[in-house]
Structure formats: structure tokens, C-alpha cells
Amino acid sequence: MPSEEFKPESVTITEANESDGFILPPSDESKRKPRIPSRRRRKLILVGIIVAVFSVPIALAVWDYSACPLMPILPAGTSVSIAAGGHIEYAFDVMKVLNIDRPIYGSLTSSGAVVVYVATAQQFSYWTPTGSPGPYEFSSGPVTSLSYSSCGGKYESPCPPNSLAAPLGEDYLVLRDLGQTAITVVIGAAMVVQIC
């Protein structure tokens, strides 16, 4: 029996093109990155949001009080005379970060009834033509002495509801004589305000 010689058939491979209607997708094995599991990724995002939400206000509050300088309105030992029925005012500016009024500290004694007011510039503009109080932020009522100690700071107790406090912008501290005779007001502890 004659031996038949094995001859392999020739195979031709041609590249597919768009006209053939079949295109192999490009291999992107090298571009793939390991994926964080979906549940773990969600937890990380949630933790990031919680940290951001709580850390920003806390950081602002700490900075708000710890870095806030005190500006003197009236130095300790100041003595002022106020005419009967008259007033004397002291302007100061308050800047702030958080939406709270800035506390005013200090003490005074008076030889007669005096009222301590805090008013904004707009409120005080009503007083100027008449010499009598118009609207105001705070009134102590008639006193012969008063004292407001430091409060509301980083390591301090909260300020009581009736504390002297000033809002953002230009404000006035006003001392008004309610009596029929002139009075003398002496500042004990300096009257100061946080200005940022």
C-alpha cells in the first residue's frame, strides 16, 4: 500500500474590518484597576462626609473664640461726667465668624442712676436728633453699678441671657443719665468687646 504523504492545508488569517460587520473589542486588561467593593466604598464616602460636616464647625468655633482679640471700649479707671438727662456714647466695630453676638465685659460705678445701652449705628442714628433713646440692642435699666465678667469663651461658662452683647458691624455703647443732676461714672474693669 503506497504511503500517503500528509500535507497540511494552508490556513489564511485575515483581519476583520468594519465592512465585515465584526470587530473585536480592544483588550483593556492592562487598564483595569482593582475596584474597591461597593459597600466599602460607600462606607468610606459616608465617613468622609461625617468628618467634614462635624470638623469644620468645631474648628471654626474653637478658632472663633481662641483667636478673638479683645478691643477696649473704655479703659479701666476712666471717669466721665454726664449732664442731667444727657448721654455719652462710644463707637466700636465688631467683626465675626459665627452668627453670634459678641459679649462685652467690664464694670462701672456711678454717682447716680445711669442706664447702659448697646445700639447699632442705625439704631443710634435715631437718638442723635432727639438726645433720647430710640431702638437699641440692650438696656441695663437704671443702675449705680454693674459688672459683666468674661463668659462664652473656649474655657468659660455660657453668657447669661441678659449679658451685654454687640452684633456685627458698627455699634455704640451709650451711658445715659436719668436724673436731674449731673453724674460721674467710673469704669472699674475695662469695658472690652471681642471684635472678630
N, C-alpha and C. Protein backbone atom coordinates (compact mmCIF):
# COMPACT_ATOMS: atom_id res chain seq x y z
N MET A 1 0.85 -1.15 0.00
CA MET A 1 0.00 0.00 0.00
C MET A 1 0.90 1.22 0.00
N PRO A 2 0.65 2.02 -0.94
CA PRO A 2 1.54 3.19 -1.07
C PRO A 2 1.31 4.14 0.12
N SER A 3 2.41 4.69 0.66
CA SER A 3 2.27 5.63 1.79
C SER A 3 1.83 7.00 1.29
N GLU A 4 0.88 7.44 1.95
CA GLU A 4 0.39 8.76 1.56
C GLU A 4 1.10 9.81 2.41
N GLU A 5 1.49 10.77 1.74
CA GLU A 5 2.21 11.86 2.44
C GLU A 5 1.18 12.85 2.97
N PHE A 6 1.38 13.23 4.28
CA PHE A 6 0.43 14.17 4.89
C PHE A 6 0.84 15.57 4.52
N LYS A 7 -0.12 16.31 3.97
CA LYS A 7 0.12 17.70 3.59
C LYS A 7 -0.87 18.56 4.35
N PRO A 8 -0.36 19.43 5.23
CA PRO A 8 -1.31 20.29 5.94
C PRO A 8 -1.89 21.31 5.00
N GLU A 9 -3.14 21.58 5.26
CA GLU A 9 -3.79 22.61 4.44
C GLU A 9 -3.32 23.97 4.91
N SER A 10 -3.19 24.85 3.99
CA SER A 10 -2.77 26.21 4.37
C SER A 10 -3.98 26.98 4.87
N VAL A 11 -3.74 27.71 5.97
CA VAL A 11 -4.81 28.50 6.57
C VAL A 11 -4.40 29.96 6.48
N THR A 12 -5.32 30.76 6.00
CA THR A 12 -5.05 32.20 5.88
C THR A 12 -5.90 32.94 6.90
N ILE A 13 -5.25 33.79 7.68
CA ILE A 13 -5.98 34.61 8.67
C ILE A 13 -5.98 36.03 8.16
N THR A 14 -7.15 36.58 8.10
CA THR A 14 -7.26 37.98 7.66
C THR A 14 -7.88 38.80 8.78
N GLU A 15 -7.50 40.04 8.84
CA GLU A 15 -8.04 40.93 9.87
C GLU A 15 -9.43 41.38 9.48
N ALA A 16 -10.26 41.45 10.48
CA ALA A 16 -11.61 41.93 10.21
C ALA A 16 -11.57 43.44 10.08
N ASN A 17 -12.38 43.94 9.20
CA ASN A 17 -12.51 45.39 9.12
C ASN A 17 -13.98 45.75 9.26
N GLU A 18 -14.24 47.05 9.28
CA GLU A 18 -15.61 47.50 9.55
C GLU A 18 -16.61 46.99 8.53
N SER A 19 -16.14 46.78 7.34
CA SER A 19 -17.08 46.35 6.31
C SER A 19 -17.53 44.92 6.52
N ASP A 20 -16.76 44.13 7.30
CA ASP A 20 -17.15 42.75 7.56
C ASP A 20 -18.27 42.68 8.59
N GLY A 21 -18.48 43.76 9.35
CA GLY A 21 -19.54 43.78 10.35
C GLY A 21 -19.14 43.15 11.66
N PHE A 22 -17.87 42.77 11.84
CA PHE A 22 -17.44 42.16 13.08
C PHE A 22 -16.10 42.76 13.47
N ILE A 23 -16.07 43.36 14.67
CA ILE A 23 -14.82 43.96 15.16
C ILE A 23 -14.58 43.43 16.55
N LEU A 24 -13.41 42.96 16.81
CA LEU A 24 -13.05 42.50 18.15
C LEU A 24 -12.82 43.72 19.04
N PRO A 25 -13.36 43.70 20.24
CA PRO A 25 -13.13 44.84 21.13
C PRO A 25 -11.66 44.88 21.54
N PRO A 26 -11.12 46.07 21.72
CA PRO A 26 -9.71 46.15 22.12
C PRO A 26 -9.54 45.57 23.52
N SER A 27 -8.44 44.96 23.73
CA SER A 27 -8.16 44.36 25.03
C SER A 27 -7.74 45.46 26.00
N ASP A 28 -8.44 45.53 27.12
CA ASP A 28 -8.07 46.56 28.09
C ASP A 28 -7.69 45.92 29.43
N GLU A 29 -7.17 44.73 29.38
CA GLU A 29 -6.76 44.04 30.60
C GLU A 29 -5.73 44.85 31.37
N SER A 30 -4.84 45.52 30.63
CA SER A 30 -3.78 46.28 31.31
C SER A 30 -4.32 47.55 31.95
N LYS A 31 -5.50 48.02 31.51
CA LYS A 31 -6.06 49.26 32.03
C LYS A 31 -6.92 49.04 33.27
N ARG A 32 -7.28 47.85 33.55
CA ARG A 32 -8.17 47.59 34.67
C ARG A 32 -7.43 47.78 35.99
N LYS A 33 -8.14 48.44 36.94
CA LYS A 33 -7.58 48.64 38.27
C LYS A 33 -8.43 47.85 39.24
N PRO A 34 -7.83 47.45 40.35
CA PRO A 34 -8.65 46.73 41.33
C PRO A 34 -9.72 47.67 41.89
N ARG A 35 -10.95 47.23 41.91
CA ARG A 35 -12.07 48.06 42.38
C ARG A 35 -12.29 47.84 43.86
N ILE A 36 -12.60 48.95 44.55
CA ILE A 36 -12.98 48.83 45.96
C ILE A 36 -14.40 48.30 45.96
N PRO A 37 -14.65 47.35 46.79
CA PRO A 37 -16.02 46.82 46.83
C PRO A 37 -17.01 47.95 47.09
N SER A 38 -18.13 47.86 46.48
CA SER A 38 -19.15 48.90 46.53
C SER A 38 -19.55 49.26 47.96
N ARG A 39 -19.77 48.29 48.81
CA ARG A 39 -20.18 48.55 50.19
C ARG A 39 -19.07 49.28 50.96
N ARG A 40 -17.85 48.87 50.78
CA ARG A 40 -16.72 49.52 51.46
C ARG A 40 -16.55 50.95 50.97
N ARG A 41 -16.71 51.14 49.69
CA ARG A 41 -16.59 52.48 49.11
C ARG A 41 -17.65 53.42 49.67
N ARG A 42 -18.88 52.92 49.79
CA ARG A 42 -19.95 53.75 50.35
C ARG A 42 -19.65 54.12 51.80
N LYS A 43 -19.12 53.17 52.58
CA LYS A 43 -18.78 53.46 53.97
C LYS A 43 -17.71 54.54 54.06
N LEU A 44 -16.69 54.45 53.21
CA LEU A 44 -15.62 55.44 53.22
C LEU A 44 -16.15 56.84 52.87
N ILE A 45 -17.03 56.90 51.89
CA ILE A 45 -17.61 58.19 51.50
C ILE A 45 -18.45 58.74 52.64
N LEU A 46 -19.24 57.90 53.28
CA LEU A 46 -20.08 58.33 54.40
C LEU A 46 -19.23 58.84 55.56
N VAL A 47 -18.16 58.13 55.89
CA VAL A 47 -17.27 58.57 56.97
C VAL A 47 -16.64 59.92 56.61
N GLY A 48 -16.23 60.10 55.37
CA GLY A 48 -15.64 61.37 54.92
C GLY A 48 -16.62 62.52 55.06
N ILE A 49 -17.86 62.29 54.69
CA ILE A 49 -18.88 63.35 54.80
C ILE A 49 -19.13 63.70 56.26
N ILE A 50 -19.24 62.68 57.12
CA ILE A 50 -19.49 62.93 58.54
C ILE A 50 -18.34 63.72 59.16
N VAL A 51 -17.12 63.34 58.85
CA VAL A 51 -15.95 64.05 59.38
C VAL A 51 -15.96 65.51 58.92
N ALA A 52 -16.26 65.74 57.64
CA ALA A 52 -16.29 67.12 57.12
C ALA A 52 -17.40 67.94 57.78
N VAL A 53 -18.57 67.34 57.93
CA VAL A 53 -19.71 68.07 58.50
C VAL A 53 -19.44 68.50 59.94
N PHE A 54 -18.82 67.63 60.73
CA PHE A 54 -18.60 67.96 62.14
C PHE A 54 -17.30 68.71 62.40
N SER A 55 -16.26 68.45 61.64
CA SER A 55 -14.97 69.07 61.94
C SER A 55 -14.91 70.54 61.56
N VAL A 56 -15.56 70.95 60.48
CA VAL A 56 -15.49 72.35 60.05
C VAL A 56 -16.14 73.28 61.08
N PRO A 57 -17.38 73.04 61.53
CA PRO A 57 -17.95 73.95 62.54
C PRO A 57 -17.18 73.95 63.86
N ILE A 58 -16.69 72.76 64.28
CA ILE A 58 -15.93 72.69 65.53
C ILE A 58 -14.64 73.50 65.41
N ALA A 59 -13.95 73.35 64.29
CA ALA A 59 -12.71 74.10 64.08
C ALA A 59 -12.99 75.60 64.06
N LEU A 60 -14.07 76.01 63.41
CA LEU A 60 -14.43 77.43 63.37
C LEU A 60 -14.77 77.96 64.76
N ALA A 61 -15.50 77.17 65.54
CA ALA A 61 -15.88 77.62 66.89
C ALA A 61 -14.66 77.79 67.77
N VAL A 62 -13.73 76.84 67.71
CA VAL A 62 -12.51 76.95 68.52
C VAL A 62 -11.72 78.16 68.09
N TRP A 63 -11.53 78.33 66.78
CA TRP A 63 -10.79 79.49 66.28
C TRP A 63 -11.52 80.78 66.60
N ASP A 64 -12.84 80.73 66.49
CA ASP A 64 -13.66 81.92 66.68
C ASP A 64 -13.43 82.55 68.04
N TYR A 65 -13.33 81.73 69.09
CA TYR A 65 -13.14 82.28 70.42
C TYR A 65 -11.67 82.35 70.83
N SER A 66 -10.87 81.36 70.45
CA SER A 66 -9.50 81.35 70.92
C SER A 66 -8.65 82.40 70.24
N ALA A 67 -8.98 82.76 68.99
CA ALA A 67 -8.17 83.72 68.25
C ALA A 67 -8.80 85.11 68.23
N CYS A 68 -9.82 85.31 69.02
CA CYS A 68 -10.56 86.57 69.00
C CYS A 68 -9.92 87.58 69.94
N PRO A 69 -9.39 88.67 69.43
CA PRO A 69 -8.82 89.67 70.34
C PRO A 69 -9.90 90.48 71.04
N LEU A 70 -9.54 91.01 72.19
CA LEU A 70 -10.45 91.88 72.93
C LEU A 70 -10.08 93.33 72.64
N MET A 71 -11.08 94.13 72.26
CA MET A 71 -10.83 95.54 71.97
C MET A 71 -11.39 96.37 73.11
N PRO A 72 -10.57 97.28 73.68
CA PRO A 72 -11.09 98.12 74.74
C PRO A 72 -12.07 99.17 74.20
N ILE A 73 -13.17 99.33 74.89
CA ILE A 73 -14.12 100.40 74.58
C ILE A 73 -13.85 101.57 75.54
N LEU A 74 -13.71 101.23 76.82
CA LEU A 74 -13.37 102.22 77.85
C LEU A 74 -12.31 101.61 78.76
N PRO A 75 -11.15 102.24 78.91
CA PRO A 75 -10.10 101.68 79.78
C PRO A 75 -10.49 101.75 81.26
N ALA A 76 -9.92 100.85 82.04
CA ALA A 76 -10.14 100.86 83.49
C ALA A 76 -9.67 102.19 84.06
N GLY A 77 -10.42 102.69 85.03
CA GLY A 77 -10.06 103.95 85.67
C GLY A 77 -10.61 105.19 84.99
N THR A 78 -11.24 105.03 83.83
CA THR A 78 -11.85 106.17 83.14
C THR A 78 -12.97 106.75 83.99
N SER A 79 -13.00 108.07 84.09
CA SER A 79 -14.06 108.76 84.82
C SER A 79 -14.71 109.76 83.88
N VAL A 80 -16.03 109.65 83.72
CA VAL A 80 -16.74 110.56 82.81
C VAL A 80 -17.89 111.23 83.55
N SER A 81 -18.14 112.48 83.19
CA SER A 81 -19.25 113.23 83.76
C SER A 81 -20.34 113.34 82.70
N ILE A 82 -21.56 113.05 83.09
CA ILE A 82 -22.70 113.10 82.17
C ILE A 82 -23.71 114.12 82.70
N ALA A 83 -24.09 115.05 81.84
CA ALA A 83 -25.05 116.10 82.24
C ALA A 83 -26.41 115.49 82.54
N ALA A 84 -27.18 116.19 83.34
CA ALA A 84 -28.52 115.72 83.71
C ALA A 84 -29.35 115.46 82.46
N GLY A 85 -29.89 114.25 82.36
CA GLY A 85 -30.71 113.86 81.21
C GLY A 85 -29.92 113.62 79.94
N GLY A 86 -28.61 113.77 79.99
CA GLY A 86 -27.78 113.61 78.79
C GLY A 86 -27.21 112.21 78.65
N HIS A 87 -26.41 112.04 77.64
CA HIS A 87 -25.77 110.74 77.42
C HIS A 87 -24.39 110.96 76.79
N ILE A 88 -23.58 109.91 76.87
CA ILE A 88 -22.27 109.91 76.23
C ILE A 88 -22.12 108.57 75.54
N GLU A 89 -21.58 108.56 74.33
CA GLU A 89 -21.51 107.31 73.56
C GLU A 89 -20.09 107.01 73.13
N TYR A 90 -19.84 105.71 72.92
CA TYR A 90 -18.53 105.21 72.48
C TYR A 90 -18.76 104.24 71.33
N ALA A 91 -18.22 104.58 70.17
CA ALA A 91 -18.40 103.73 68.98
C ALA A 91 -17.33 102.65 68.93
N PHE A 92 -17.69 101.48 68.42
CA PHE A 92 -16.73 100.39 68.21
C PHE A 92 -17.25 99.49 67.10
N ASP A 93 -16.36 98.73 66.49
CA ASP A 93 -16.73 97.83 65.38
C ASP A 93 -16.57 96.38 65.80
N VAL A 94 -17.50 95.55 65.37
CA VAL A 94 -17.45 94.11 65.65
C VAL A 94 -17.45 93.36 64.33
N MET A 95 -16.47 92.47 64.17
CA MET A 95 -16.44 91.54 63.04
C MET A 95 -16.61 90.16 63.64
N LYS A 96 -17.22 89.24 62.91
CA LYS A 96 -17.41 87.91 63.49
C LYS A 96 -17.37 86.83 62.42
N VAL A 97 -17.14 85.59 62.89
CA VAL A 97 -17.13 84.44 62.00
C VAL A 97 -18.44 83.68 62.12
N LEU A 98 -18.78 83.37 63.33
CA LEU A 98 -20.03 82.64 63.54
C LEU A 98 -21.17 83.61 63.81
N ASN A 99 -22.38 83.13 63.62
CA ASN A 99 -23.54 84.01 63.71
C ASN A 99 -23.99 84.17 65.17
N ILE A 100 -23.14 84.85 65.95
CA ILE A 100 -23.50 85.13 67.34
C ILE A 100 -23.06 86.55 67.66
N ASP A 101 -23.76 87.18 68.61
CA ASP A 101 -23.33 88.50 69.07
C ASP A 101 -22.09 88.35 69.94
N ARG A 102 -21.28 89.40 69.95
CA ARG A 102 -20.04 89.37 70.73
C ARG A 102 -20.26 89.93 72.12
N PRO A 103 -19.84 89.19 73.17
CA PRO A 103 -20.03 89.67 74.53
C PRO A 103 -19.16 90.88 74.85
N ILE A 104 -19.68 91.75 75.70
CA ILE A 104 -18.96 92.90 76.22
C ILE A 104 -18.74 92.66 77.71
N TYR A 105 -17.52 92.86 78.19
CA TYR A 105 -17.19 92.66 79.59
C TYR A 105 -16.76 93.99 80.20
N GLY A 106 -16.85 94.07 81.53
CA GLY A 106 -16.36 95.24 82.23
C GLY A 106 -17.24 95.56 83.42
N SER A 107 -16.88 96.62 84.13
CA SER A 107 -17.67 97.04 85.29
C SER A 107 -17.61 98.55 85.43
N LEU A 108 -18.62 99.10 86.11
CA LEU A 108 -18.64 100.54 86.36
C LEU A 108 -19.42 100.83 87.63
N THR A 109 -19.16 102.00 88.19
CA THR A 109 -19.96 102.52 89.30
C THR A 109 -20.34 103.95 88.94
N SER A 110 -21.46 104.40 89.47
CA SER A 110 -21.97 105.72 89.13
C SER A 110 -22.46 106.44 90.37
N SER A 111 -22.34 107.78 90.36
CA SER A 111 -22.81 108.59 91.49
C SER A 111 -24.33 108.77 91.48
N GLY A 112 -24.97 108.36 90.41
CA GLY A 112 -26.43 108.45 90.29
C GLY A 112 -26.91 107.41 89.29
N ALA A 113 -28.21 107.37 89.09
CA ALA A 113 -28.78 106.35 88.18
C ALA A 113 -28.27 106.55 86.76
N VAL A 114 -27.72 105.50 86.19
CA VAL A 114 -27.24 105.53 84.81
C VAL A 114 -27.80 104.30 84.10
N VAL A 115 -28.07 104.44 82.82
CA VAL A 115 -28.51 103.30 82.00
C VAL A 115 -27.43 103.04 80.97
N VAL A 116 -27.06 101.77 80.82
CA VAL A 116 -26.07 101.37 79.82
C VAL A 116 -26.82 100.74 78.66
N TYR A 117 -26.62 101.28 77.48
CA TYR A 117 -27.26 100.76 76.27
C TYR A 117 -26.20 100.23 75.30
N VAL A 118 -26.59 99.24 74.51
CA VAL A 118 -25.82 98.85 73.32
C VAL A 118 -26.77 99.04 72.14
N ALA A 119 -26.31 99.78 71.14
CA ALA A 119 -27.15 100.06 69.96
C ALA A 119 -26.31 99.93 68.70
N THR A 120 -26.93 99.52 67.63
CA THR A 120 -26.25 99.51 66.33
C THR A 120 -26.16 100.94 65.83
N ALA A 121 -25.35 101.15 64.80
CA ALA A 121 -25.21 102.50 64.23
C ALA A 121 -26.55 103.02 63.74
N GLN A 122 -27.34 102.16 63.11
CA GLN A 122 -28.64 102.59 62.60
C GLN A 122 -29.58 102.95 63.77
N GLN A 123 -29.57 102.13 64.81
CA GLN A 123 -30.40 102.43 65.97
C GLN A 123 -29.98 103.75 66.62
N PHE A 124 -28.67 103.94 66.74
CA PHE A 124 -28.18 105.15 67.39
C PHE A 124 -28.48 106.40 66.57
N SER A 125 -28.61 106.26 65.26
CA SER A 125 -28.93 107.43 64.42
C SER A 125 -30.28 108.03 64.80
N TYR A 126 -31.19 107.25 65.39
CA TYR A 126 -32.47 107.78 65.85
C TYR A 126 -32.31 108.62 67.11
N TRP A 127 -31.28 108.32 67.90
CA TRP A 127 -31.04 109.06 69.14
C TRP A 127 -30.48 110.45 68.86
N THR A 128 -29.63 110.55 67.86
CA THR A 128 -28.84 111.76 67.63
C THR A 128 -29.69 113.03 67.56
N PRO A 129 -30.78 113.08 66.78
CA PRO A 129 -31.53 114.34 66.71
C PRO A 129 -32.26 114.71 68.01
N THR A 130 -32.69 113.69 68.77
CA THR A 130 -33.53 113.97 69.94
C THR A 130 -32.77 113.94 71.26
N GLY A 131 -31.66 113.18 71.30
CA GLY A 131 -30.95 113.01 72.57
C GLY A 131 -31.60 111.99 73.47
N SER A 132 -32.70 111.40 73.02
CA SER A 132 -33.39 110.36 73.80
C SER A 132 -33.25 109.02 73.09
N PRO A 133 -33.26 107.94 73.87
CA PRO A 133 -33.05 106.63 73.23
C PRO A 133 -34.18 106.26 72.29
N GLY A 134 -33.78 105.72 71.18
CA GLY A 134 -34.72 105.12 70.24
C GLY A 134 -34.60 103.61 70.41
N PRO A 135 -34.53 102.87 69.31
CA PRO A 135 -34.34 101.42 69.42
C PRO A 135 -32.93 101.10 69.92
N TYR A 136 -32.77 99.94 70.50
CA TYR A 136 -31.45 99.53 70.98
C TYR A 136 -31.41 98.01 71.08
N GLU A 137 -30.20 97.47 71.23
CA GLU A 137 -30.00 96.02 71.38
C GLU A 137 -30.12 95.59 72.84
N PHE A 138 -29.65 96.45 73.74
CA PHE A 138 -29.59 96.07 75.14
C PHE A 138 -29.75 97.30 76.02
N SER A 139 -30.42 97.14 77.15
CA SER A 139 -30.50 98.20 78.16
C SER A 139 -30.34 97.55 79.54
N SER A 140 -29.49 98.14 80.35
CA SER A 140 -29.26 97.61 81.70
C SER A 140 -30.37 98.01 82.66
N GLY A 141 -31.14 99.05 82.28
CA GLY A 141 -32.06 99.65 83.24
C GLY A 141 -31.25 100.55 84.17
N PRO A 142 -31.92 101.37 84.99
CA PRO A 142 -31.17 102.28 85.86
C PRO A 142 -30.37 101.53 86.92
N VAL A 143 -29.08 101.79 86.97
CA VAL A 143 -28.19 101.13 87.93
C VAL A 143 -27.21 102.17 88.47
N THR A 144 -26.61 101.85 89.62
CA THR A 144 -25.49 102.66 90.11
C THR A 144 -24.19 101.89 90.02
N SER A 145 -24.28 100.59 89.75
CA SER A 145 -23.09 99.79 89.48
C SER A 145 -23.51 98.57 88.68
N LEU A 146 -22.60 98.09 87.88
CA LEU A 146 -22.84 96.83 87.17
C LEU A 146 -21.50 96.20 86.83
N SER A 147 -21.54 94.89 86.62
CA SER A 147 -20.32 94.15 86.30
C SER A 147 -20.67 92.98 85.39
N TYR A 148 -19.94 92.86 84.32
CA TYR A 148 -20.09 91.73 83.40
C TYR A 148 -18.74 91.06 83.27
N SER A 149 -18.64 89.84 83.80
CA SER A 149 -17.37 89.14 83.74
C SER A 149 -17.28 88.34 82.45
N SER A 150 -16.07 87.94 82.13
CA SER A 150 -15.80 87.20 80.90
C SER A 150 -16.63 85.93 80.86
N CYS A 151 -17.25 85.67 79.71
CA CYS A 151 -18.09 84.48 79.54
C CYS A 151 -18.11 84.09 78.07
N GLY A 152 -18.53 82.86 77.81
CA GLY A 152 -18.74 82.43 76.44
C GLY A 152 -17.50 82.02 75.70
N GLY A 153 -16.33 82.15 76.30
CA GLY A 153 -15.09 81.78 75.62
C GLY A 153 -14.87 80.29 75.61
N LYS A 154 -13.73 79.90 75.09
CA LYS A 154 -13.41 78.48 74.89
C LYS A 154 -13.50 77.69 76.20
N TYR A 155 -13.00 78.25 77.30
CA TYR A 155 -12.99 77.53 78.57
C TYR A 155 -13.91 78.18 79.61
N GLU A 156 -14.88 78.93 79.15
CA GLU A 156 -15.73 79.68 80.06
C GLU A 156 -17.18 79.20 79.98
N SER A 157 -17.94 79.58 81.00
CA SER A 157 -19.36 79.23 81.00
C SER A 157 -20.10 80.10 79.99
N PRO A 158 -21.26 79.64 79.52
CA PRO A 158 -22.04 80.45 78.56
C PRO A 158 -22.46 81.77 79.19
N CYS A 159 -22.62 82.78 78.34
CA CYS A 159 -23.06 84.09 78.82
C CYS A 159 -24.54 84.03 79.21
N PRO A 160 -24.92 84.67 80.32
CA PRO A 160 -26.34 84.69 80.69
C PRO A 160 -27.15 85.47 79.66
N PRO A 161 -28.46 85.23 79.60
CA PRO A 161 -29.30 85.84 78.57
C PRO A 161 -29.29 87.37 78.59
N ASN A 162 -29.11 87.99 79.77
CA ASN A 162 -29.16 89.44 79.84
C ASN A 162 -27.78 90.10 79.75
N SER A 163 -26.78 89.38 79.25
CA SER A 163 -25.43 89.93 79.15
C SER A 163 -25.36 91.00 78.08
N LEU A 164 -24.42 91.94 78.31
CA LEU A 164 -24.12 92.91 77.26
C LEU A 164 -23.55 92.17 76.07
N ALA A 165 -24.04 92.44 74.88
CA ALA A 165 -23.52 91.80 73.68
C ALA A 165 -23.77 92.72 72.50
N ALA A 166 -22.89 92.62 71.50
CA ALA A 166 -22.98 93.52 70.36
C ALA A 166 -23.03 92.72 69.06
N PRO A 167 -23.88 93.13 68.12
CA PRO A 167 -23.96 92.43 66.83
C PRO A 167 -22.86 92.88 65.86
N LEU A 168 -22.80 92.21 64.74
CA LEU A 168 -21.83 92.51 63.69
C LEU A 168 -21.97 93.96 63.22
N GLY A 169 -20.83 94.61 62.98
CA GLY A 169 -20.83 95.94 62.39
C GLY A 169 -20.47 97.02 63.39
N GLU A 170 -20.84 98.25 63.06
CA GLU A 170 -20.57 99.39 63.94
C GLU A 170 -21.64 99.46 65.02
N ASP A 171 -21.18 99.55 66.27
CA ASP A 171 -22.08 99.60 67.41
C ASP A 171 -21.71 100.76 68.32
N TYR A 172 -22.60 101.04 69.27
CA TYR A 172 -22.36 102.10 70.25
C TYR A 172 -22.65 101.57 71.65
N LEU A 173 -21.76 101.89 72.58
CA LEU A 173 -22.01 101.71 74.00
C LEU A 173 -22.41 103.10 74.50
N VAL A 174 -23.60 103.21 75.07
CA VAL A 174 -24.14 104.51 75.47
C VAL A 174 -24.40 104.51 76.97
N LEU A 175 -23.94 105.56 77.66
CA LEU A 175 -24.22 105.76 79.08
C LEU A 175 -25.16 106.96 79.18
N ARG A 176 -26.30 106.78 79.83
CA ARG A 176 -27.31 107.85 79.88
C ARG A 176 -27.67 108.18 81.33
N ASP A 177 -27.64 109.46 81.63
CA ASP A 177 -28.02 109.96 82.95
C ASP A 177 -29.54 110.13 82.97
N LEU A 178 -30.20 109.48 83.94
CA LEU A 178 -31.66 109.58 84.05
C LEU A 178 -32.11 110.65 85.03
N GLY A 179 -31.18 111.18 85.82
CA GLY A 179 -31.57 112.07 86.90
C GLY A 179 -31.65 113.53 86.51
N GLN A 180 -31.86 114.36 87.54
CA GLN A 180 -31.98 115.81 87.36
C GLN A 180 -30.65 116.52 87.58
N THR A 181 -29.64 115.78 87.98
CA THR A 181 -28.32 116.39 88.20
C THR A 181 -27.27 115.58 87.44
N ALA A 182 -26.13 116.22 87.22
CA ALA A 182 -25.02 115.54 86.53
C ALA A 182 -24.50 114.39 87.39
N ILE A 183 -24.02 113.35 86.74
CA ILE A 183 -23.45 112.20 87.46
C ILE A 183 -22.04 111.94 86.97
N THR A 184 -21.30 111.21 87.79
CA THR A 184 -19.96 110.77 87.40
C THR A 184 -19.95 109.25 87.33
N VAL A 185 -19.48 108.73 86.23
CA VAL A 185 -19.38 107.27 86.04
C VAL A 185 -17.91 106.91 86.00
N VAL A 186 -17.52 105.91 86.82
CA VAL A 186 -16.13 105.45 86.87
C VAL A 186 -16.08 104.00 86.38
N ILE A 187 -15.20 103.76 85.42
CA ILE A 187 -15.03 102.40 84.88
C ILE A 187 -14.07 101.63 85.78
N GLY A 188 -14.55 100.51 86.34
CA GLY A 188 -13.70 99.66 87.19
C GLY A 188 -12.86 98.75 86.31
N ALA A 189 -13.40 97.58 85.95
CA ALA A 189 -12.73 96.71 84.98
C ALA A 189 -12.99 97.28 83.59
N ALA A 190 -11.97 97.30 82.75
CA ALA A 190 -12.09 97.89 81.42
C ALA A 190 -13.28 97.29 80.67
N MET A 191 -14.01 98.15 79.96
CA MET A 191 -15.10 97.68 79.11
C MET A 191 -14.46 97.24 77.79
N VAL A 192 -14.59 95.96 77.47
CA VAL A 192 -13.96 95.40 76.29
C VAL A 192 -14.97 94.56 75.51
N VAL A 193 -14.68 94.33 74.23
CA VAL A 193 -15.54 93.50 73.39
C VAL A 193 -14.67 92.63 72.50
N GLN A 194 -15.13 91.41 72.24
CA GLN A 194 -14.46 90.57 71.26
C GLN A 194 -14.78 91.12 69.89
N ILE A 195 -13.75 91.31 69.04
CA ILE A 195 -14.00 92.05 67.80
C ILE A 195 -13.97 91.21 66.54
N CYS A 196 -13.78 89.88 66.63
CA CYS A 196 -13.79 89.11 65.40
C CYS A 196 -14.99 88.18 65.36
